[in-house]
Amino acid sequence: MPMLFLPADTSKMMQSKKKRLDFLTKNYMEGSQQKLEQLWNNQYSQRQKLTEQYSQQVSSARQQWETEAQRAEDQEEQLNNMKRQQQKIFQQLKVAHKQKLKTVKELYKQYIKVRPDLTGWLAG
């Protein structure tokens, strides 16, 4: 295969075009790299913001849940206290009722014993 010899101007022109192509390729690659880095940084920033928002929402929901759970515990304790108080009151009422019933029975027995005497006294 015969070698082609290019004139000096053609060789310089080819070197110039090669340099120009290298320069354009380098600039394009640097620009692409910068665009990729910028895109990456934007996505990273957006992910950070979303993560922060999510964390705040989760924290807020957890805090609200803890507050409601504490409120429920407090209400349960209040209800238990009220139940114990009512049981105590009913027990006291039961004792008082038994005592009154006992007193009424004793008075009735006394009345029955005294009644024959009263019948004679009234007839007399």
PDB file of N, CA and C in Angstrom:
ATOM      1  N   MET A   1       0.853  -1.155   0.000  1.00  0.00           N
ATOM      2  CA  MET A   1       0.000   0.000   0.000  1.00  0.00           C
ATOM      3  C   MET A   1       0.905   1.226   0.000  1.00  0.00           C
ATOM      4  N   PRO A   2       0.653   2.047  -0.926  1.00  0.00           N
ATOM      5  CA  PRO A   2       1.525   3.220  -1.019  1.00  0.00           C
ATOM      6  C   PRO A   2       1.183   4.236   0.048  1.00  0.00           C
ATOM      7  N   MET A   3       2.171   4.870   0.552  1.00  0.00           N
ATOM      8  CA  MET A   3       1.963   5.907   1.554  1.00  0.00           C
ATOM      9  C   MET A   3       1.601   7.199   0.863  1.00  0.00           C
ATOM     10  N   LEU A   4       0.631   7.834   1.497  1.00  0.00           N
ATOM     11  CA  LEU A   4       0.217   9.122   0.959  1.00  0.00           C
ATOM     12  C   LEU A   4       0.936  10.210   1.717  1.00  0.00           C
ATOM     13  N   PHE A   5       1.499  11.068   0.972  1.00  0.00           N
ATOM     14  CA  PHE A   5       2.154  12.205   1.594  1.00  0.00           C
ATOM     15  C   PHE A   5       1.278  13.409   1.382  1.00  0.00           C
ATOM     16  N   LEU A   6       0.911  14.021   2.488  1.00  0.00           N
ATOM     17  CA  LEU A   6       0.057  15.200   2.401  1.00  0.00           C
ATOM     18  C   LEU A   6       0.927  16.434   2.384  1.00  0.00           C
ATOM     19  N   PRO A   7       0.493  17.447   1.671  1.00  0.00           N
ATOM     20  CA  PRO A   7       1.252  18.684   1.701  1.00  0.00           C
ATOM     21  C   PRO A   7       1.269  19.240   3.116  1.00  0.00           C
ATOM     22  N   ALA A   8       2.225  20.064   3.441  1.00  0.00           N
ATOM     23  CA  ALA A   8       2.404  20.632   4.768  1.00  0.00           C
ATOM     24  C   ALA A   8       1.172  21.394   5.204  1.00  0.00           C
ATOM     25  N   ASP A   9       0.537  22.111   4.329  1.00  0.00           N
ATOM     26  CA  ASP A   9      -0.674  22.858   4.697  1.00  0.00           C
ATOM     27  C   ASP A   9      -1.787  21.915   5.106  1.00  0.00           C
ATOM     28  N   THR A  10      -1.915  20.842   4.408  1.00  0.00           N
ATOM     29  CA  THR A  10      -2.964  19.873   4.729  1.00  0.00           C
ATOM     30  C   THR A  10      -2.669  19.248   6.082  1.00  0.00           C
ATOM     31  N   SER A  11      -1.434  18.934   6.351  1.00  0.00           N
ATOM     32  CA  SER A  11      -1.046  18.363   7.621  1.00  0.00           C
ATOM     33  C   SER A  11      -1.326  19.346   8.745  1.00  0.00           C
ATOM     34  N   LYS A  12      -0.975  20.597   8.552  1.00  0.00           N
ATOM     35  CA  LYS A  12      -1.249  21.622   9.571  1.00  0.00           C
ATOM     36  C   LYS A  12      -2.751  21.780   9.762  1.00  0.00           C
ATOM     37  N   MET A  13      -3.485  21.728   8.650  1.00  0.00           N
ATOM     38  CA  MET A  13      -4.938  21.862   8.739  1.00  0.00           C
ATOM     39  C   MET A  13      -5.528  20.693   9.531  1.00  0.00           C
ATOM     40  N   MET A  14      -5.025  19.478   9.294  1.00  0.00           N
ATOM     41  CA  MET A  14      -5.523  18.307  10.007  1.00  0.00           C
ATOM     42  C   MET A  14      -5.176  18.406  11.498  1.00  0.00           C
ATOM     43  N   GLN A  15      -3.961  18.863  11.808  1.00  0.00           N
ATOM     44  CA  GLN A  15      -3.571  19.038  13.207  1.00  0.00           C
ATOM     45  C   GLN A  15      -4.438  20.098  13.864  1.00  0.00           C
ATOM     46  N   SER A  16      -4.725  21.157  13.145  1.00  0.00           N
ATOM     47  CA  SER A  16      -5.576  22.222  13.664  1.00  0.00           C
ATOM     48  C   SER A  16      -6.989  21.685  13.925  1.00  0.00           C
ATOM     49  N   LYS A  17      -7.520  20.918  12.977  1.00  0.00           N
ATOM     50  CA  LYS A  17      -8.867  20.345  13.151  1.00  0.00           C
ATOM     51  C   LYS A  17      -8.874  19.348  14.308  1.00  0.00           C
ATOM     52  N   LYS A  18      -7.780  18.569  14.438  1.00  0.00           N
ATOM     53  CA  LYS A  18      -7.687  17.613  15.542  1.00  0.00           C
ATOM     54  C   LYS A  18      -7.656  18.352  16.877  1.00  0.00           C
ATOM     55  N   LYS A  19      -6.856  19.417  16.956  1.00  0.00           N
ATOM     56  CA  LYS A  19      -6.810  20.216  18.182  1.00  0.00           C
ATOM     57  C   LYS A  19      -8.183  20.803  18.485  1.00  0.00           C
ATOM     58  N   ARG A  20      -8.817  21.314  17.438  1.00  0.00           N
ATOM     59  CA  ARG A  20     -10.163  21.901  17.621  1.00  0.00           C
ATOM     60  C   ARG A  20     -11.136  20.831  18.115  1.00  0.00           C
ATOM     61  N   LEU A  21     -11.099  19.640  17.510  1.00  0.00           N
ATOM     62  CA  LEU A  21     -11.968  18.535  17.933  1.00  0.00           C
ATOM     63  C   LEU A  21     -11.659  18.137  19.374  1.00  0.00           C
ATOM     64  N   ASP A  22     -10.382  18.044  19.718  1.00  0.00           N
ATOM     65  CA  ASP A  22      -9.989  17.732  21.095  1.00  0.00           C
ATOM     66  C   ASP A  22     -10.509  18.801  22.059  1.00  0.00           C
ATOM     67  N   PHE A  23     -10.357  20.054  21.685  1.00  0.00           N
ATOM     68  CA  PHE A  23     -10.821  21.164  22.516  1.00  0.00           C
ATOM     69  C   PHE A  23     -12.339  21.101  22.714  1.00  0.00           C
ATOM     70  N   LEU A  24     -13.070  20.920  21.614  1.00  0.00           N
ATOM     71  CA  LEU A  24     -14.534  20.835  21.705  1.00  0.00           C
ATOM     72  C   LEU A  24     -14.976  19.627  22.523  1.00  0.00           C
ATOM     73  N   THR A  25     -14.313  18.504  22.322  1.00  0.00           N
ATOM     74  CA  THR A  25     -14.641  17.290  23.082  1.00  0.00           C
ATOM     75  C   THR A  25     -14.379  17.510  24.564  1.00  0.00           C
ATOM     76  N   LYS A  26     -13.235  18.104  24.864  1.00  0.00           N
ATOM     77  CA  LYS A  26     -12.888  18.377  26.268  1.00  0.00           C
ATOM     78  C   LYS A  26     -13.917  19.318  26.897  1.00  0.00           C
ATOM     79  N   ASN A  27     -14.253  20.404  26.190  1.00  0.00           N
ATOM     80  CA  ASN A  27     -15.251  21.344  26.713  1.00  0.00           C
ATOM     81  C   ASN A  27     -16.610  20.675  26.897  1.00  0.00           C
ATOM     82  N   TYR A  28     -16.981  19.837  25.920  1.00  0.00           N
ATOM     83  CA  TYR A  28     -18.262  19.143  26.019  1.00  0.00           C
ATOM     84  C   TYR A  28     -18.261  18.214  27.224  1.00  0.00           C
ATOM     85  N   MET A  29     -17.184  17.477  27.417  1.00  0.00           N
ATOM     86  CA  MET A  29     -17.087  16.546  28.546  1.00  0.00           C
ATOM     87  C   MET A  29     -17.101  17.300  29.868  1.00  0.00           C
ATOM     88  N   GLU A  30     -16.376  18.407  29.942  1.00  0.00           N
ATOM     89  CA  GLU A  30     -16.372  19.207  31.173  1.00  0.00           C
ATOM     90  C   GLU A  30     -17.765  19.773  31.438  1.00  0.00           C
ATOM     91  N   GLY A  31     -18.423  20.252  30.375  1.00  0.00           N
ATOM     92  CA  GLY A  31     -19.782  20.783  30.532  1.00  0.00           C
ATOM     93  C   GLY A  31     -20.744  19.697  30.964  1.00  0.00           C
ATOM     94  N   SER A  32     -20.603  18.511  30.366  1.00  0.00           N
ATOM     95  CA  SER A  32     -21.459  17.385  30.745  1.00  0.00           C
ATOM     96  C   SER A  32     -21.201  16.993  32.192  1.00  0.00           C
ATOM     97  N   GLN A  33     -19.935  16.977  32.571  1.00  0.00           N
ATOM     98  CA  GLN A  33     -19.577  16.636  33.949  1.00  0.00           C
ATOM     99  C   GLN A  33     -20.184  17.645  34.921  1.00  0.00           C
ATOM    100  N   GLN A  34     -20.092  18.920  34.587  1.00  0.00           N
ATOM    101  CA  GLN A  34     -20.666  19.968  35.442  1.00  0.00           C
ATOM    102  C   GLN A  34     -22.173  19.817  35.528  1.00  0.00           C
ATOM    103  N   LYS A  35     -22.823  19.520  34.387  1.00  0.00           N
ATOM    104  CA  LYS A  35     -24.273  19.336  34.398  1.00  0.00           C
ATOM    105  C   LYS A  35     -24.657  18.131  35.242  1.00  0.00           C
ATOM    106  N   LEU A  36     -23.895  17.043  35.116  1.00  0.00           N
ATOM    107  CA  LEU A  36     -24.169  15.859  35.933  1.00  0.00           C
ATOM    108  C   LEU A  36     -23.972  16.153  37.423  1.00  0.00           C
ATOM    109  N   GLU A  37     -22.907  16.854  37.753  1.00  0.00           N
ATOM    110  CA  GLU A  37     -22.661  17.205  39.147  1.00  0.00           C
ATOM    111  C   GLU A  37     -23.770  18.106  39.676  1.00  0.00           C
ATOM    112  N   GLN A  38     -24.188  19.061  38.857  1.00  0.00           N
ATOM    113  CA  GLN A  38     -25.267  19.963  39.271  1.00  0.00           C
ATOM    114  C   GLN A  38     -26.568  19.177  39.464  1.00  0.00           C
ATOM    115  N   LEU A  39     -26.871  18.281  38.530  1.00  0.00           N
ATOM    116  CA  LEU A  39     -28.059  17.445  38.650  1.00  0.00           C
ATOM    117  C   LEU A  39     -27.980  16.583  39.902  1.00  0.00           C
ATOM    118  N   TRP A  40     -26.817  15.974  40.123  1.00  0.00           N
ATOM    119  CA  TRP A  40     -26.604  15.153  41.313  1.00  0.00           C
ATOM    120  C   TRP A  40     -26.802  15.973  42.586  1.00  0.00           C
ATOM    121  N   ASN A  41     -26.197  17.153  42.631  1.00  0.00           N
ATOM    122  CA  ASN A  41     -26.323  18.013  43.811  1.00  0.00           C
ATOM    123  C   ASN A  41     -27.769  18.447  44.033  1.00  0.00           C
ATOM    124  N   ASN A  42     -28.483  18.772  42.941  1.00  0.00           N
ATOM    125  CA  ASN A  42     -29.895  19.154  43.079  1.00  0.00           C
ATOM    126  C   ASN A  42     -30.724  17.992  43.625  1.00  0.00           C
ATOM    127  N   GLN A  43     -30.504  16.802  43.082  1.00  0.00           N
ATOM    128  CA  GLN A  43     -31.247  15.638  43.567  1.00  0.00           C
ATOM    129  C   GLN A  43     -30.902  15.333  45.021  1.00  0.00           C
ATOM    130  N   TYR A  44     -29.618  15.458  45.351  1.00  0.00           N
ATOM    131  CA  TYR A  44     -29.185  15.222  46.725  1.00  0.00           C
ATOM    132  C   TYR A  44     -29.852  16.220  47.672  1.00  0.00           C
ATOM    133  N   SER A  45     -29.886  17.478  47.261  1.00  0.00           N
ATOM    134  CA  SER A  45     -30.508  18.523  48.071  1.00  0.00           C
ATOM    135  C   SER A  45     -32.003  18.249  48.242  1.00  0.00           C
ATOM    136  N   GLN A  46     -32.658  17.843  47.167  1.00  0.00           N
ATOM    137  CA  GLN A  46     -34.083  17.538  47.249  1.00  0.00           C
ATOM    138  C   GLN A  46     -34.333  16.335  48.154  1.00  0.00           C
ATOM    139  N   ARG A  47     -33.481  15.318  48.070  1.00  0.00           N
ATOM    140  CA  ARG A  47     -33.620  14.152  48.951  1.00  0.00           C
ATOM    141  C   ARG A  47     -33.429  14.558  50.405  1.00  0.00           C
ATOM    142  N   GLN A  48     -32.469  15.441  50.659  1.00  0.00           N
ATOM    143  CA  GLN A  48     -32.249  15.908  52.030  1.00  0.00           C
ATOM    144  C   GLN A  48     -33.484  16.646  52.547  1.00  0.00           C
ATOM    145  N   LYS A  49     -34.066  17.517  51.708  1.00  0.00           N
ATOM    146  CA  LYS A  49     -35.251  18.263  52.122  1.00  0.00           C
ATOM    147  C   LYS A  49     -36.410  17.319  52.401  1.00  0.00           C
ATOM    148  N   LEU A  50     -36.607  16.343  51.506  1.00  0.00           N
ATOM    149  CA  LEU A  50     -37.684  15.377  51.710  1.00  0.00           C
ATOM    150  C   LEU A  50     -37.458  14.552  52.979  1.00  0.00           C
ATOM    151  N   THR A  51     -36.209  14.156  53.196  1.00  0.00           N
ATOM    152  CA  THR A  51     -35.887  13.389  54.396  1.00  0.00           C
ATOM    153  C   THR A  51     -36.153  14.222  55.644  1.00  0.00           C
ATOM    154  N   GLU A  52     -35.780  15.485  55.604  1.00  0.00           N
ATOM    155  CA  GLU A  52     -36.013  16.379  56.746  1.00  0.00           C
ATOM    156  C   GLU A  52     -37.506  16.564  56.986  1.00  0.00           C
ATOM    157  N   GLN A  53     -38.272  16.787  55.909  1.00  0.00           N
ATOM    158  CA  GLN A  53     -39.723  16.945  56.049  1.00  0.00           C
ATOM    159  C   GLN A  53     -40.351  15.675  56.611  1.00  0.00           C
ATOM    160  N   TYR A  54     -39.931  14.539  56.084  1.00  0.00           N
ATOM    161  CA  TYR A  54     -40.450  13.261  56.564  1.00  0.00           C
ATOM    162  C   TYR A  54     -40.118  13.072  58.040  1.00  0.00           C
ATOM    163  N   SER A  55     -38.886  13.378  58.404  1.00  0.00           N
ATOM    164  CA  SER A  55     -38.468  13.238  59.805  1.00  0.00           C
ATOM    165  C   SER A  55     -39.294  14.141  60.711  1.00  0.00           C
ATOM    166  N   GLN A  56     -39.554  15.360  60.276  1.00  0.00           N
ATOM    167  CA  GLN A  56     -40.373  16.276  61.073  1.00  0.00           C
ATOM    168  C   GLN A  56     -41.797  15.753  61.217  1.00  0.00           C
ATOM    169  N   GLN A  57     -42.346  15.218  60.118  1.00  0.00           N
ATOM    170  CA  GLN A  57     -43.704  14.684  60.177  1.00  0.00           C
ATOM    171  C   GLN A  57     -43.778  13.471  61.103  1.00  0.00           C
ATOM    172  N   VAL A  58     -42.790  12.594  61.006  1.00  0.00           N
ATOM    173  CA  VAL A  58     -42.764  11.413  61.861  1.00  0.00           C
ATOM    174  C   VAL A  58     -42.600  11.833  63.318  1.00  0.00           C
ATOM    175  N   SER A  59     -41.719  12.783  63.557  1.00  0.00           N
ATOM    176  CA  SER A  59     -41.498  13.266  64.919  1.00  0.00           C
ATOM    177  C   SER A  59     -42.773  13.896  65.478  1.00  0.00           C
ATOM    178  N   SER A  60     -43.431  14.691  64.669  1.00  0.00           N
ATOM    179  CA  SER A  60     -44.671  15.335  65.094  1.00  0.00           C
ATOM    180  C   SER A  60     -45.750  14.290  65.384  1.00  0.00           C
ATOM    181  N   ALA A  61     -45.878  13.309  64.503  1.00  0.00           N
ATOM    182  CA  ALA A  61     -46.878  12.258  64.702  1.00  0.00           C
ATOM    183  C   ALA A  61     -46.572  11.444  65.959  1.00  0.00           C
ATOM    184  N   ARG A  62     -45.285  11.132  66.162  1.00  0.00           N
ATOM    185  CA  ARG A  62     -44.890  10.379  67.357  1.00  0.00           C
ATOM    186  C   ARG A  62     -45.180  11.180  68.622  1.00  0.00           C
ATOM    187  N   GLN A  63     -44.882  12.472  68.597  1.00  0.00           N
ATOM    188  CA  GLN A  63     -45.128  13.321  69.759  1.00  0.00           C
ATOM    189  C   GLN A  63     -46.627  13.414  70.045  1.00  0.00           C
ATOM    190  N   GLN A  64     -47.416  13.560  68.989  1.00  0.00           N
ATOM    191  CA  GLN A  64     -48.873  13.613  69.149  1.00  0.00           C
ATOM    192  C   GLN A  64     -49.383  12.288  69.716  1.00  0.00           C
ATOM    193  N   TRP A  65     -48.854  11.171  69.207  1.00  0.00           N
ATOM    194  CA  TRP A  65     -49.274   9.863  69.695  1.00  0.00           C
ATOM    195  C   TRP A  65     -48.922   9.705  71.164  1.00  0.00           C
ATOM    196  N   GLU A  66     -47.721  10.127  71.551  1.00  0.00           N
ATOM    197  CA  GLU A  66     -47.302  10.025  72.950  1.00  0.00           C
ATOM    198  C   GLU A  66     -48.194  10.881  73.846  1.00  0.00           C
ATOM    199  N   THR A  67     -48.552  12.069  73.371  1.00  0.00           N
ATOM    200  CA  THR A  67     -49.434  12.953  74.135  1.00  0.00           C
ATOM    201  C   THR A  67     -50.798  12.299  74.315  1.00  0.00           C
ATOM    202  N   GLU A  68     -51.330  11.743  73.240  1.00  0.00           N
ATOM    203  CA  GLU A  68     -52.643  11.093  73.316  1.00  0.00           C
ATOM    204  C   GLU A  68     -52.584   9.844  74.192  1.00  0.00           C
ATOM    205  N   ALA A  69     -51.487   9.099  74.110  1.00  0.00           N
ATOM    206  CA  ALA A  69     -51.334   7.908  74.942  1.00  0.00           C
ATOM    207  C   ALA A  69     -51.285   8.299  76.422  1.00  0.00           C
ATOM    208  N   GLN A  70     -50.561   9.376  76.738  1.00  0.00           N
ATOM    209  CA  GLN A  70     -50.492   9.850  78.124  1.00  0.00           C
ATOM    210  C   GLN A  70     -51.864  10.303  78.596  1.00  0.00           C
ATOM    211  N   ARG A  71     -52.582  11.009  77.725  1.00  0.00           N
ATOM    212  CA  ARG A  71     -53.925  11.476  78.071  1.00  0.00           C
ATOM    213  C   ARG A  71     -54.849  10.278  78.335  1.00  0.00           C
ATOM    214  N   ALA A  72     -54.724   9.242  77.518  1.00  0.00           N
ATOM    215  CA  ALA A  72     -55.541   8.039  77.707  1.00  0.00           C
ATOM    216  C   ALA A  72     -55.207   7.364  79.039  1.00  0.00           C
ATOM    217  N   GLU A  73     -53.909   7.298  79.365  1.00  0.00           N
ATOM    218  CA  GLU A  73     -53.505   6.720  80.657  1.00  0.00           C
ATOM    219  C   GLU A  73     -54.070   7.532  81.815  1.00  0.00           C
ATOM    220  N   ASP A  74     -53.998   8.857  81.701  1.00  0.00           N
ATOM    221  CA  ASP A  74     -54.530   9.723  82.751  1.00  0.00           C
ATOM    222  C   ASP A  74     -56.035   9.510  82.922  1.00  0.00           C
ATOM    223  N   GLN A  75     -56.749   9.431  81.804  1.00  0.00           N
ATOM    224  CA  GLN A  75     -58.194   9.221  81.867  1.00  0.00           C
ATOM    225  C   GLN A  75     -58.517   7.849  82.455  1.00  0.00           C
ATOM    226  N   GLU A  76     -57.727   6.850  82.089  1.00  0.00           N
ATOM    227  CA  GLU A  76     -57.939   5.509  82.647  1.00  0.00           C
ATOM    228  C   GLU A  76     -57.735   5.535  84.163  1.00  0.00           C
ATOM    229  N   GLU A  77     -56.705   6.229  84.603  1.00  0.00           N
ATOM    230  CA  GLU A  77     -56.443   6.336  86.043  1.00  0.00           C
ATOM    231  C   GLU A  77     -57.595   7.061  86.749  1.00  0.00           C
ATOM    232  N   GLN A  78     -58.086   8.134  86.131  1.00  0.00           N
ATOM    233  CA  GLN A  78     -59.220   8.861  86.714  1.00  0.00           C
ATOM    234  C   GLN A  78     -60.440   7.962  86.813  1.00  0.00           C
ATOM    235  N   LEU A  79     -60.708   7.196  85.754  1.00  0.00           N
ATOM    236  CA  LEU A  79     -61.858   6.283  85.779  1.00  0.00           C
ATOM    237  C   LEU A  79     -61.697   5.218  86.858  1.00  0.00           C
ATOM    238  N   ASN A  80     -60.486   4.699  86.997  1.00  0.00           N
ATOM    239  CA  ASN A  80     -60.245   3.704  88.053  1.00  0.00           C
ATOM    240  C   ASN A  80     -60.451   4.303  89.435  1.00  0.00           C
ATOM    241  N   ASN A  81     -59.988   5.537  89.622  1.00  0.00           N
ATOM    242  CA  ASN A  81     -60.204   6.215  90.910  1.00  0.00           C
ATOM    243  C   ASN A  81     -61.691   6.418  91.172  1.00  0.00           C
ATOM    244  N   MET A  82     -62.425   6.849  90.142  1.00  0.00           N
ATOM    245  CA  MET A  82     -63.869   7.052  90.301  1.00  0.00           C
ATOM    246  C   MET A  82     -64.569   5.722  90.624  1.00  0.00           C
ATOM    247  N   LYS A  83     -64.132   4.656  89.990  1.00  0.00           N
ATOM    248  CA  LYS A  83     -64.716   3.331  90.247  1.00  0.00           C
ATOM    249  C   LYS A  83     -64.478   2.919  91.701  1.00  0.00           C
ATOM    250  N   ARG A  84     -63.235   3.125  92.175  1.00  0.00           N
ATOM    251  CA  ARG A  84     -62.931   2.777  93.573  1.00  0.00           C
ATOM    252  C   ARG A  84     -63.769   3.625  94.544  1.00  0.00           C
ATOM    253  N   GLN A  85     -63.911   4.917  94.227  1.00  0.00           N
ATOM    254  CA  GLN A  85     -64.718   5.785  95.082  1.00  0.00           C
ATOM    255  C   GLN A  85     -66.171   5.323  95.105  1.00  0.00           C
ATOM    256  N   GLN A  86     -66.704   4.973  93.938  1.00  0.00           N
ATOM    257  CA  GLN A  86     -68.089   4.498  93.885  1.00  0.00           C
ATOM    258  C   GLN A  86     -68.245   3.194  94.657  1.00  0.00           C
ATOM    259  N   GLN A  87     -67.284   2.281  94.516  1.00  0.00           N
ATOM    260  CA  GLN A  87     -67.350   1.023  95.255  1.00  0.00           C
ATOM    261  C   GLN A  87     -67.323   1.288  96.763  1.00  0.00           C
ATOM    262  N   LYS A  88     -66.501   2.225  97.174  1.00  0.00           N
ATOM    263  CA  LYS A  88     -66.410   2.570  98.594  1.00  0.00           C
ATOM    264  C   LYS A  88     -67.740   3.153  99.078  1.00  0.00           C
ATOM    265  N   ILE A  89     -68.311   4.060  98.263  1.00  0.00           N
ATOM    266  CA  ILE A  89     -69.598   4.672  98.627  1.00  0.00           C
ATOM    267  C   ILE A  89     -70.689   3.610  98.710  1.00  0.00           C
ATOM    268  N   PHE A  90     -70.734   2.697  97.708  1.00  0.00           N
ATOM    269  CA  PHE A  90     -71.750   1.640  97.728  1.00  0.00           C
ATOM    270  C   PHE A  90     -71.566   0.732  98.937  1.00  0.00           C
ATOM    271  N   GLN A  91     -70.315   0.454  99.275  1.00  0.00           N
ATOM    272  CA  GLN A  91     -70.063  -0.376 100.455  1.00  0.00           C
ATOM    273  C   GLN A  91     -70.568   0.333 101.721  1.00  0.00           C
ATOM    274  N   GLN A  92     -70.287   1.635 101.808  1.00  0.00           N
ATOM    275  CA  GLN A  92     -70.755   2.396 102.961  1.00  0.00           C
ATOM    276  C   GLN A  92     -72.284   2.435 102.997  1.00  0.00           C
ATOM    277  N   LEU A  93     -72.909   2.620 101.834  1.00  0.00           N
ATOM    278  CA  LEU A  93     -74.368   2.636 101.775  1.00  0.00           C
ATOM    279  C   LEU A  93     -74.944   1.274 102.156  1.00  0.00           C
ATOM    280  N   LYS A  94     -74.288   0.219 101.732  1.00  0.00           N
ATOM    281  CA  LYS A  94     -74.743  -1.135 102.058  1.00  0.00           C
ATOM    282  C   LYS A  94     -74.688  -1.361 103.568  1.00  0.00           C
ATOM    283  N   VAL A  95     -73.572  -0.946 104.181  1.00  0.00           N
ATOM    284  CA  VAL A  95     -73.428  -1.085 105.636  1.00  0.00           C
ATOM    285  C   VAL A  95     -74.504  -0.253 106.349  1.00  0.00           C
ATOM    286  N   ALA A  96     -74.694   0.988 105.881  1.00  0.00           N
ATOM    287  CA  ALA A  96     -75.701   1.854 106.501  1.00  0.00           C
ATOM    288  C   ALA A  96     -77.095   1.270 106.315  1.00  0.00           C
ATOM    289  N   HIS A  97     -77.378   0.713 105.139  1.00  0.00           N
ATOM    290  CA  HIS A  97     -78.690   0.127 104.875  1.00  0.00           C
ATOM    291  C   HIS A  97     -78.923  -1.096 105.766  1.00  0.00           C
ATOM    292  N   LYS A  98     -77.893  -1.942 105.911  1.00  0.00           N
ATOM    293  CA  LYS A  98     -78.013  -3.115 106.783  1.00  0.00           C
ATOM    294  C   LYS A  98     -78.267  -2.687 108.221  1.00  0.00           C
ATOM    295  N   GLN A  99     -77.570  -1.647 108.656  1.00  0.00           N
ATOM    296  CA  GLN A  99     -77.750  -1.156 110.029  1.00  0.00           C
ATOM    297  C   GLN A  99     -79.171  -0.633 110.228  1.00  0.00           C
ATOM    298  N   LYS A 100     -79.667   0.129 109.239  1.00  0.00           N
ATOM    299  CA  LYS A 100     -81.040   0.647 109.338  1.00  0.00           C
ATOM    300  C   LYS A 100     -82.055  -0.482 109.312  1.00  0.00           C
ATOM    301  N   LEU A 101     -81.822  -1.487 108.478  1.00  0.00           N
ATOM    302  CA  LEU A 101     -82.727  -2.626 108.410  1.00  0.00           C
ATOM    303  C   LEU A 101     -82.722  -3.388 109.731  1.00  0.00           C
ATOM    304  N   LYS A 102     -81.555  -3.531 110.315  1.00  0.00           N
ATOM    305  CA  LYS A 102     -81.431  -4.199 111.611  1.00  0.00           C
ATOM    306  C   LYS A 102     -82.203  -3.417 112.684  1.00  0.00           C
ATOM    307  N   THR A 103     -82.041  -2.086 112.629  1.00  0.00           N
ATOM    308  CA  THR A 103     -82.746  -1.229 113.593  1.00  0.00           C
ATOM    309  C   THR A 103     -84.256  -1.360 113.418  1.00  0.00           C
ATOM    310  N   VAL A 104     -84.714  -1.375 112.171  1.00  0.00           N
ATOM    311  CA  VAL A 104     -86.157  -1.510 111.907  1.00  0.00           C
ATOM    312  C   VAL A 104     -86.648  -2.858 112.403  1.00  0.00           C
ATOM    313  N   LYS A 105     -85.893  -3.930 112.185  1.00  0.00           N
ATOM    314  CA  LYS A 105     -86.295  -5.267 112.666  1.00  0.00           C
ATOM    315  C   LYS A 105     -86.394  -5.290 114.186  1.00  0.00           C
ATOM    316  N   GLU A 106     -85.404  -4.675 114.848  1.00  0.00           N
ATOM    317  CA  GLU A 106     -85.425  -4.644 116.311  1.00  0.00           C
ATOM    318  C   GLU A 106     -86.636  -3.850 116.820  1.00  0.00           C
ATOM    319  N   LEU A 107     -86.906  -2.726 116.181  1.00  0.00           N
ATOM    320  CA  LEU A 107     -88.073  -1.930 116.578  1.00  0.00           C
ATOM    321  C   LEU A 107     -89.365  -2.712 116.338  1.00  0.00           C
ATOM    322  N   TYR A 108     -89.427  -3.462 115.238  1.00  0.00           N
ATOM    323  CA  TYR A 108     -90.616  -4.253 114.944  1.00  0.00           C
ATOM    324  C   TYR A 108     -90.795  -5.341 115.998  1.00  0.00           C
ATOM    325  N   LYS A 109     -89.682  -5.998 116.368  1.00  0.00           N
ATOM    326  CA  LYS A 109     -89.761  -7.036 117.411  1.00  0.00           C
ATOM    327  C   LYS A 109     -90.238  -6.433 118.733  1.00  0.00           C
ATOM    328  N   GLN A 110     -89.717  -5.266 119.067  1.00  0.00           N
ATOM    329  CA  GLN A 110     -90.139  -4.594 120.306  1.00  0.00           C
ATOM    330  C   GLN A 110     -91.626  -4.233 120.223  1.00  0.00           C
ATOM    331  N   TYR A 111     -92.035  -3.813 119.057  1.00  0.00           N
ATOM    332  CA  TYR A 111     -93.439  -3.440 118.883  1.00  0.00           C
ATOM    333  C   TYR A 111     -94.337  -4.658 119.056  1.00  0.00           C
ATOM    334  N   ILE A 112     -93.915  -5.768 118.464  1.00  0.00           N
ATOM    335  CA  ILE A 112     -94.713  -6.989 118.577  1.00  0.00           C
ATOM    336  C   ILE A 112     -94.807  -7.401 120.044  1.00  0.00           C
ATOM    337  N   LYS A 113     -93.727  -7.274 120.792  1.00  0.00           N
ATOM    338  CA  LYS A 113     -93.742  -7.633 122.217  1.00  0.00           C
ATOM    339  C   LYS A 113     -94.640  -6.688 123.002  1.00  0.00           C
ATOM    340  N   VAL A 114     -94.609  -5.453 122.680  1.00  0.00           N
ATOM    341  CA  VAL A 114     -95.349  -4.449 123.443  1.00  0.00           C
ATOM    342  C   VAL A 114     -96.800  -4.373 122.977  1.00  0.00           C
ATOM    343  N   ARG A 115     -97.108  -4.802 121.816  1.00  0.00           N
ATOM    344  CA  ARG A 115     -98.432  -4.655 121.230  1.00  0.00           C
ATOM    345  C   ARG A 115     -99.532  -5.292 122.076  1.00  0.00           C
ATOM    346  N   PRO A 116     -99.367  -6.472 122.569  1.00  0.00           N
ATOM    347  CA  PRO A 116    -100.468  -7.003 123.407  1.00  0.00           C
ATOM    348  C   PRO A 116    -100.734  -6.088 124.598  1.00  0.00           C
ATOM    349  N   ASP A 117     -99.696  -5.485 125.142  1.00  0.00           N
ATOM    350  CA  ASP A 117     -99.891  -4.571 126.258  1.00  0.00           C
ATOM    351  C   ASP A 117    -100.650  -3.339 125.800  1.00  0.00           C
ATOM    352  N   LEU A 118    -100.374  -2.884 124.593  1.00  0.00           N
ATOM    353  CA  LEU A 118    -101.037  -1.701 124.052  1.00  0.00           C
ATOM    354  C   LEU A 118    -102.509  -1.983 123.778  1.00  0.00           C
ATOM    355  N   THR A 119    -102.816  -3.208 123.380  1.00  0.00           N
ATOM    356  CA  THR A 119    -104.205  -3.535 123.079  1.00  0.00           C
ATOM    357  C   THR A 119    -105.038  -3.433 124.356  1.00  0.00           C
ATOM    358  N   GLY A 120    -104.485  -3.925 125.441  1.00  0.00           N
ATOM    359  CA  GLY A 120    -105.200  -3.830 126.719  1.00  0.00           C
ATOM    360  C   GLY A 120    -105.286  -2.403 127.204  1.00  0.00           C
ATOM    361  N   TRP A 121    -104.321  -1.659 126.989  1.00  0.00           N
ATOM    362  CA  TRP A 121    -104.284  -0.275 127.422  1.00  0.00           C
ATOM    363  C   TRP A 121    -105.296   0.565 126.649  1.00  0.00           C
ATOM    364  N   LEU A 122    -105.419   0.259 125.369  1.00  0.00           N
ATOM    365  CA  LEU A 122    -106.376   0.988 124.534  1.00  0.00           C
ATOM    366  C   LEU A 122    -107.808   0.587 124.870  1.00  0.00           C
ATOM    367  N   ALA A 123    -108.007  -0.663 125.197  1.00  0.00           N
ATOM    368  CA  ALA A 123    -109.347  -1.144 125.507  1.00  0.00           C
ATOM    369  C   ALA A 123    -109.781  -0.664 126.882  1.00  0.00           C
ATOM    370  N   GLY A 124    -108.843  -0.429 127.737  1.00  0.00           N
ATOM    371  CA  GLY A 124    -109.084  -0.118 129.113  1.00  0.00           C
ATOM    372  C   GLY A 124    -109.705   1.126 129.424  1.00  0.00           C
TER     373      GLY A 124
END
